[in-house]
């Protein structure tokens, strides 16, 4: 679903979906939690922002964990 939406909508939805993943894990639903977390990570690969490119902390996170982001074209 997020793949069909624009970056602004995906940025708005991603935090809620990540909270859903945590809630599912807390509810002892690990399969659903993992699937939701995977969806959030995959959608996040397309959310680059010019505002964050010059932030050292963002560059550090991307350098350390960027491999986890699945860029879909």
PDB file of N, CA and C in Angstrom:
ATOM      1  N   UNK A   1       0.815  -1.192   0.000  1.00  0.00           N
ATOM      2  CA  UNK A   1       0.000   0.000   0.000  1.00  0.00           C
ATOM      3  C   UNK A   1       0.866   1.265   0.000  1.00  0.00           C
ATOM      4  N   UNK A   2       1.871   1.312   0.874  1.00  0.00           N
ATOM      5  CA  UNK A   2       2.693   2.513   0.953  1.00  0.00           C
ATOM      6  C   UNK A   2       3.444   2.786  -0.335  1.00  0.00           C
ATOM      7  N   UNK A   3       3.761   1.738  -1.088  1.00  0.00           N
ATOM      8  CA  UNK A   3       4.479   1.915  -2.342  1.00  0.00           C
ATOM      9  C   UNK A   3       3.702   2.727  -3.349  1.00  0.00           C
ATOM     10  N   UNK A   4       2.375   2.715  -3.252  1.00  0.00           N
ATOM     11  CA  UNK A   4       1.538   3.461  -4.186  1.00  0.00           C
ATOM     12  C   UNK A   4       1.349   4.907  -3.760  1.00  0.00           C
ATOM     13  N   UNK A   5       1.689   5.240  -2.543  1.00  0.00           N
ATOM     14  CA  UNK A   5       1.476   6.584  -2.016  1.00  0.00           C
ATOM     15  C   UNK A   5       2.727   7.420  -2.186  1.00  0.00           C
ATOM     16  N   UNK A   6       2.558   8.730  -2.141  1.00  0.00           N
ATOM     17  CA  UNK A   6       3.692   9.628  -2.248  1.00  0.00           C
ATOM     18  C   UNK A   6       4.541   9.600  -0.992  1.00  0.00           C
ATOM     19  N   UNK A   7       5.728  10.202  -1.072  1.00  0.00           N
ATOM     20  CA  UNK A   7       6.667  10.196   0.047  1.00  0.00           C
ATOM     21  C   UNK A   7       6.084  10.866   1.283  1.00  0.00           C
ATOM     22  N   UNK A   8       5.319  11.937   1.099  1.00  0.00           N
ATOM     23  CA  UNK A   8       4.738  12.625   2.249  1.00  0.00           C
ATOM     24  C   UNK A   8       3.795  11.704   2.999  1.00  0.00           C
ATOM     25  N   UNK A   9       2.936  11.022   2.286  1.00  0.00           N
ATOM     26  CA  UNK A   9       1.998  10.103   2.933  1.00  0.00           C
ATOM     27  C   UNK A   9       2.748   8.969   3.627  1.00  0.00           C
ATOM     28  N   UNK A  10       3.758   8.427   2.984  1.00  0.00           N
ATOM     29  CA  UNK A  10       4.538   7.333   3.568  1.00  0.00           C
ATOM     30  C   UNK A  10       5.229   7.792   4.839  1.00  0.00           C
ATOM     31  N   UNK A  11       5.751   9.014   4.864  1.00  0.00           N
ATOM     32  CA  UNK A  11       6.390   9.551   6.073  1.00  0.00           C
ATOM     33  C   UNK A  11       5.393   9.675   7.204  1.00  0.00           C
ATOM     34  N   UNK A  12       4.156  10.015   6.882  1.00  0.00           N
ATOM     35  CA  UNK A  12       3.130  10.155   7.908  1.00  0.00           C
ATOM     36  C   UNK A  12       2.679   8.802   8.444  1.00  0.00           C
ATOM     37  N   UNK A  13       2.640   7.802   7.596  1.00  0.00           N
ATOM     38  CA  UNK A  13       2.124   6.489   7.976  1.00  0.00           C
ATOM     39  C   UNK A  13       3.188   5.621   8.654  1.00  0.00           C
ATOM     40  N   UNK A  14       4.438   5.770   8.279  1.00  0.00           N
ATOM     41  CA  UNK A  14       5.502   4.896   8.778  1.00  0.00           C
ATOM     42  C   UNK A  14       5.575   4.815  10.303  1.00  0.00           C
ATOM     43  N   UNK A  15       5.503   5.929  11.032  1.00  0.00           N
ATOM     44  CA  UNK A  15       5.570   5.796  12.500  1.00  0.00           C
ATOM     45  C   UNK A  15       4.424   4.966  13.065  1.00  0.00           C
ATOM     46  N   UNK A  16       3.230   5.145  12.533  1.00  0.00           N
ATOM     47  CA  UNK A  16       2.088   4.391  13.028  1.00  0.00           C
ATOM     48  C   UNK A  16       2.244   2.901  12.738  1.00  0.00           C
ATOM     49  N   UNK A  17       2.766   2.583  11.565  1.00  0.00           N
ATOM     50  CA  UNK A  17       2.969   1.171  11.223  1.00  0.00           C
ATOM     51  C   UNK A  17       4.072   0.569  12.075  1.00  0.00           C
ATOM     52  N   UNK A  18       5.080   1.353  12.435  1.00  0.00           N
ATOM     53  CA  UNK A  18       6.132   0.822  13.310  1.00  0.00           C
ATOM     54  C   UNK A  18       5.576   0.577  14.711  1.00  0.00           C
ATOM     55  N   UNK A  19       4.687   1.451  15.164  1.00  0.00           N
ATOM     56  CA  UNK A  19       4.047   1.229  16.464  1.00  0.00           C
ATOM     57  C   UNK A  19       3.165  -0.013  16.419  1.00  0.00           C
ATOM     58  N   UNK A  20       2.515  -0.242  15.285  1.00  0.00           N
ATOM     59  CA  UNK A  20       1.714  -1.449  15.117  1.00  0.00           C
ATOM     60  C   UNK A  20       2.593  -2.690  15.226  1.00  0.00           C
ATOM     61  N   UNK A  21       3.768  -2.649  14.628  1.00  0.00           N
ATOM     62  CA  UNK A  21       4.689  -3.780  14.713  1.00  0.00           C
ATOM     63  C   UNK A  21       5.064  -4.063  16.170  1.00  0.00           C
ATOM     64  N   UNK A  22       5.324  -3.020  16.939  1.00  0.00           N
ATOM     65  CA  UNK A  22       5.656  -3.189  18.356  1.00  0.00           C
ATOM     66  C   UNK A  22       4.455  -3.755  19.117  1.00  0.00           C
ATOM     67  N   UNK A  23       3.267  -3.221  18.840  1.00  0.00           N
ATOM     68  CA  UNK A  23       2.066  -3.717  19.516  1.00  0.00           C
ATOM     69  C   UNK A  23       1.818  -5.188  19.197  1.00  0.00           C
ATOM     70  N   UNK A  24       2.041  -5.575  17.948  1.00  0.00           N
ATOM     71  CA  UNK A  24       1.872  -6.976  17.573  1.00  0.00           C
ATOM     72  C   UNK A  24       2.893  -7.857  18.294  1.00  0.00           C
ATOM     73  N   UNK A  25       4.113  -7.385  18.418  1.00  0.00           N
ATOM     74  CA  UNK A  25       5.127  -8.147  19.155  1.00  0.00           C
ATOM     75  C   UNK A  25       4.729  -8.276  20.622  1.00  0.00           C
ATOM     76  N   UNK A  26       4.243  -7.190  21.212  1.00  0.00           N
ATOM     77  CA  UNK A  26       3.795  -7.225  22.605  1.00  0.00           C
ATOM     78  C   UNK A  26       2.603  -8.155  22.795  1.00  0.00           C
ATOM     79  N   UNK A  27       1.799  -8.321  21.751  1.00  0.00           N
ATOM     80  CA  UNK A  27       0.616  -9.178  21.808  1.00  0.00           C
ATOM     81  C   UNK A  27       0.944 -10.632  21.446  1.00  0.00           C
ATOM     82  N   UNK A  28       2.245 -10.945  21.418  1.00  0.00           N
ATOM     83  CA  UNK A  28       2.702 -12.303  21.108  1.00  0.00           C
ATOM     84  C   UNK A  28       2.265 -12.748  19.710  1.00  0.00           C
ATOM     85  N   UNK A  29       2.391 -11.837  18.753  1.00  0.00           N
ATOM     86  CA  UNK A  29       2.109 -12.114  17.340  1.00  0.00           C
ATOM     87  C   UNK A  29       3.384 -11.856  16.537  1.00  0.00           C
ATOM     88  N   UNK A  30       4.436 -12.664  16.753  1.00  0.00           N
ATOM     89  CA  UNK A  30       5.733 -12.360  16.145  1.00  0.00           C
ATOM     90  C   UNK A  30       5.722 -12.397  14.621  1.00  0.00           C
ATOM     91  N   UNK A  31       4.948 -13.292  14.022  1.00  0.00           N
ATOM     92  CA  UNK A  31       4.919 -13.359  12.559  1.00  0.00           C
ATOM     93  C   UNK A  31       4.339 -12.085  11.965  1.00  0.00           C
ATOM     94  N   UNK A  32       3.235 -11.616  12.527  1.00  0.00           N
ATOM     95  CA  UNK A  32       2.619 -10.381  12.028  1.00  0.00           C
ATOM     96  C   UNK A  32       3.491  -9.173  12.335  1.00  0.00           C
ATOM     97  N   UNK A  33       4.134  -9.165  13.504  1.00  0.00           N
ATOM     98  CA  UNK A  33       5.025  -8.063  13.870  1.00  0.00           C
ATOM     99  C   UNK A  33       6.201  -7.983  12.895  1.00  0.00           C
ATOM    100  N   UNK A  34       6.771  -9.132  12.575  1.00  0.00           N
ATOM    101  CA  UNK A  34       7.896  -9.155  11.649  1.00  0.00           C
ATOM    102  C   UNK A  34       7.485  -8.677  10.266  1.00  0.00           C
ATOM    103  N   UNK A  35       6.327  -9.101   9.810  1.00  0.00           N
ATOM    104  CA  UNK A  35       5.844  -8.672   8.490  1.00  0.00           C
ATOM    105  C   UNK A  35       5.617  -7.165   8.453  1.00  0.00           C
ATOM    106  N   UNK A  36       5.024  -6.621   9.506  1.00  0.00           N
ATOM    107  CA  UNK A  36       4.787  -5.173   9.561  1.00  0.00           C
ATOM    108  C   UNK A  36       6.103  -4.416   9.635  1.00  0.00           C
ATOM    109  N   UNK A  37       7.062  -4.896  10.416  1.00  0.00           N
ATOM    110  CA  UNK A  37       8.369  -4.247  10.503  1.00  0.00           C
ATOM    111  C   UNK A  37       9.061  -4.277   9.150  1.00  0.00           C
ATOM    112  N   UNK A  38       8.966  -5.390   8.451  1.00  0.00           N
ATOM    113  CA  UNK A  38       9.564  -5.503   7.120  1.00  0.00           C
ATOM    114  C   UNK A  38       8.943  -4.481   6.170  1.00  0.00           C
ATOM    115  N   UNK A  39       7.642  -4.293   6.254  1.00  0.00           N
ATOM    116  CA  UNK A  39       6.963  -3.306   5.397  1.00  0.00           C
ATOM    117  C   UNK A  39       7.449  -1.891   5.689  1.00  0.00           C
ATOM    118  N   UNK A  40       7.637  -1.571   6.964  1.00  0.00           N
ATOM    119  CA  UNK A  40       8.112  -0.232   7.336  1.00  0.00           C
ATOM    120  C   UNK A  40       9.528  -0.007   6.814  1.00  0.00           C
ATOM    121  N   UNK A  41      10.398  -0.996   6.978  1.00  0.00           N
ATOM    122  CA  UNK A  41      11.785  -0.865   6.509  1.00  0.00           C
ATOM    123  C   UNK A  41      11.827  -0.726   4.993  1.00  0.00           C
ATOM    124  N   UNK A  42      11.045  -1.551   4.296  1.00  0.00           N
ATOM    125  CA  UNK A  42      11.031  -1.494   2.835  1.00  0.00           C
ATOM    126  C   UNK A  42      10.525  -0.140   2.351  1.00  0.00           C
ATOM    127  N   UNK A  43       9.488   0.382   2.964  1.00  0.00           N
ATOM    128  CA  UNK A  43       8.939   1.674   2.559  1.00  0.00           C
ATOM    129  C   UNK A  43       9.902   2.809   2.880  1.00  0.00           C
ATOM    130  N   UNK A  44      10.675   2.667   3.934  1.00  0.00           N
ATOM    131  CA  UNK A  44      11.597   3.722   4.343  1.00  0.00           C
ATOM    132  C   UNK A  44      12.735   3.926   3.353  1.00  0.00           C
ATOM    133  N   UNK A  45      13.028   2.945   2.546  1.00  0.00           N
ATOM    134  CA  UNK A  45      14.100   3.080   1.571  1.00  0.00           C
ATOM    135  C   UNK A  45      13.847   4.137   0.533  1.00  0.00           C
ATOM    136  N   UNK A  46      12.602   4.514   0.357  1.00  0.00           N
ATOM    137  CA  UNK A  46      12.233   5.520  -0.643  1.00  0.00           C
ATOM    138  C   UNK A  46      11.951   6.887  -0.038  1.00  0.00           C
ATOM    139  N   UNK A  47      12.325   7.107   1.210  1.00  0.00           N
ATOM    140  CA  UNK A  47      11.950   8.344   1.893  1.00  0.00           C
ATOM    141  C   UNK A  47      13.108   9.305   2.098  1.00  0.00           C
ATOM    142  N   UNK A  48      14.026   9.350   1.172  1.00  0.00           N
ATOM    143  CA  UNK A  48      15.145  10.274   1.338  1.00  0.00           C
ATOM    144  C   UNK A  48      14.649  11.712   1.294  1.00  0.00           C
ATOM    145  N   UNK A  49      15.404  12.568   1.926  1.00  0.00           N
ATOM    146  CA  UNK A  49      15.029  13.969   2.007  1.00  0.00           C
ATOM    147  C   UNK A  49      16.277  14.827   1.864  1.00  0.00           C
ATOM    148  N   UNK A  50      16.184  15.876   1.079  1.00  0.00           N
ATOM    149  CA  UNK A  50      17.313  16.790   0.916  1.00  0.00           C
ATOM    150  C   UNK A  50      17.666  17.453   2.244  1.00  0.00           C
ATOM    151  N   UNK A  51      16.673  17.643   3.113  1.00  0.00           N
ATOM    152  CA  UNK A  51      16.930  18.281   4.397  1.00  0.00           C
ATOM    153  C   UNK A  51      17.829  17.443   5.288  1.00  0.00           C
ATOM    154  N   UNK A  52      17.764  16.113   5.145  1.00  0.00           N
ATOM    155  CA  UNK A  52      18.537  15.251   6.036  1.00  0.00           C
ATOM    156  C   UNK A  52      19.894  14.869   5.484  1.00  0.00           C
ATOM    157  N   UNK A  53      20.153  15.127   4.218  1.00  0.00           N
ATOM    158  CA  UNK A  53      21.418  14.717   3.611  1.00  0.00           C
ATOM    159  C   UNK A  53      22.628  15.386   4.253  1.00  0.00           C
ATOM    160  N   UNK A  54      22.458  16.590   4.796  1.00  0.00           N
ATOM    161  CA  UNK A  54      23.572  17.328   5.371  1.00  0.00           C
ATOM    162  C   UNK A  54      23.650  17.201   6.888  1.00  0.00           C
ATOM    163  N   UNK A  55      22.881  16.300   7.476  1.00  0.00           N
ATOM    164  CA  UNK A  55      22.881  16.111   8.921  1.00  0.00           C
ATOM    165  C   UNK A  55      23.834  14.955   9.256  1.00  0.00           C
ATOM    166  N   UNK A  56      24.901  15.236   9.994  1.00  0.00           N
ATOM    167  CA  UNK A  56      25.896  14.188  10.278  1.00  0.00           C
ATOM    168  C   UNK A  56      25.294  12.950  10.941  1.00  0.00           C
ATOM    169  N   UNK A  57      24.359  13.143  11.851  1.00  0.00           N
ATOM    170  CA  UNK A  57      23.755  11.999  12.538  1.00  0.00           C
ATOM    171  C   UNK A  57      22.979  11.107  11.571  1.00  0.00           C
ATOM    172  N   UNK A  58      22.314  11.732  10.605  1.00  0.00           N
ATOM    173  CA  UNK A  58      21.577  10.959   9.610  1.00  0.00           C
ATOM    174  C   UNK A  58      22.546  10.186   8.724  1.00  0.00           C
ATOM    175  N   UNK A  59      23.602  10.850   8.291  1.00  0.00           N
ATOM    176  CA  UNK A  59      24.607  10.152   7.478  1.00  0.00           C
ATOM    177  C   UNK A  59      25.187   8.965   8.229  1.00  0.00           C
ATOM    178  N   UNK A  60      25.415   9.121   9.535  1.00  0.00           N
ATOM    179  CA  UNK A  60      25.964   8.031  10.342  1.00  0.00           C
ATOM    180  C   UNK A  60      24.994   6.850  10.410  1.00  0.00           C
ATOM    181  N   UNK A  61      23.724   7.132  10.637  1.00  0.00           N
ATOM    182  CA  UNK A  61      22.727   6.056  10.686  1.00  0.00           C
ATOM    183  C   UNK A  61      22.649   5.352   9.337  1.00  0.00           C
ATOM    184  N   UNK A  62      22.630   6.119   8.261  1.00  0.00           N
ATOM    185  CA  UNK A  62      22.568   5.503   6.931  1.00  0.00           C
ATOM    186  C   UNK A  62      23.817   4.683   6.637  1.00  0.00           C
ATOM    187  N   UNK A  63      24.971   5.158   7.087  1.00  0.00           N
ATOM    188  CA  UNK A  63      26.200   4.397   6.870  1.00  0.00           C
ATOM    189  C   UNK A  63      26.176   3.083   7.654  1.00  0.00           C
ATOM    190  N   UNK A  64      25.642   3.141   8.864  1.00  0.00           N
ATOM    191  CA  UNK A  64      25.623   1.950   9.719  1.00  0.00           C
ATOM    192  C   UNK A  64      24.487   0.981   9.381  1.00  0.00           C
ATOM    193  N   UNK A  65      23.320   1.524   9.001  1.00  0.00           N
ATOM    194  CA  UNK A  65      22.142   0.680   8.855  1.00  0.00           C
ATOM    195  C   UNK A  65      21.449   0.796   7.500  1.00  0.00           C
ATOM    196  N   UNK A  66      22.010   1.567   6.606  1.00  0.00           N
ATOM    197  CA  UNK A  66      21.390   1.764   5.285  1.00  0.00           C
ATOM    198  C   UNK A  66      21.206   0.485   4.523  1.00  0.00           C
ATOM    199  N   UNK A  67      22.050  -0.509   4.785  1.00  0.00           N
ATOM    200  CA  UNK A  67      21.919  -1.794   4.089  1.00  0.00           C
ATOM    201  C   UNK A  67      20.590  -2.476   4.406  1.00  0.00           C
ATOM    202  N   UNK A  68      19.944  -2.079   5.496  1.00  0.00           N
ATOM    203  CA  UNK A  68      18.663  -2.674   5.866  1.00  0.00           C
ATOM    204  C   UNK A  68      17.502  -2.120   5.054  1.00  0.00           C
ATOM    205  N   UNK A  69      17.726  -0.981   4.418  1.00  0.00           N
ATOM    206  CA  UNK A  69      16.664  -0.357   3.640  1.00  0.00           C
ATOM    207  C   UNK A  69      16.613  -0.983   2.253  1.00  0.00           C
ATOM    208  N   UNK A  70      15.450  -1.419   1.876  1.00  0.00           N
ATOM    209  CA  UNK A  70      15.260  -2.059   0.579  1.00  0.00           C
ATOM    210  C   UNK A  70      14.719  -1.010  -0.379  1.00  0.00           C
ATOM    211  N   UNK A  71      15.513  -0.577  -1.305  1.00  0.00           N
ATOM    212  CA  UNK A  71      15.081   0.431  -2.265  1.00  0.00           C
ATOM    213  C   UNK A  71      14.309  -0.261  -3.366  1.00  0.00           C
ATOM    214  N   UNK A  72      13.072   0.135  -3.537  1.00  0.00           N
ATOM    215  CA  UNK A  72      12.235  -0.418  -4.597  1.00  0.00           C
ATOM    216  C   UNK A  72      12.043   0.642  -5.658  1.00  0.00           C
ATOM    217  N   UNK A  73      12.149   0.255  -6.896  1.00  0.00           N
ATOM    218  CA  UNK A  73      11.954   1.242  -7.963  1.00  0.00           C
ATOM    219  C   UNK A  73      10.615   1.035  -8.622  1.00  0.00           C
TER     220      UNK A  73
END
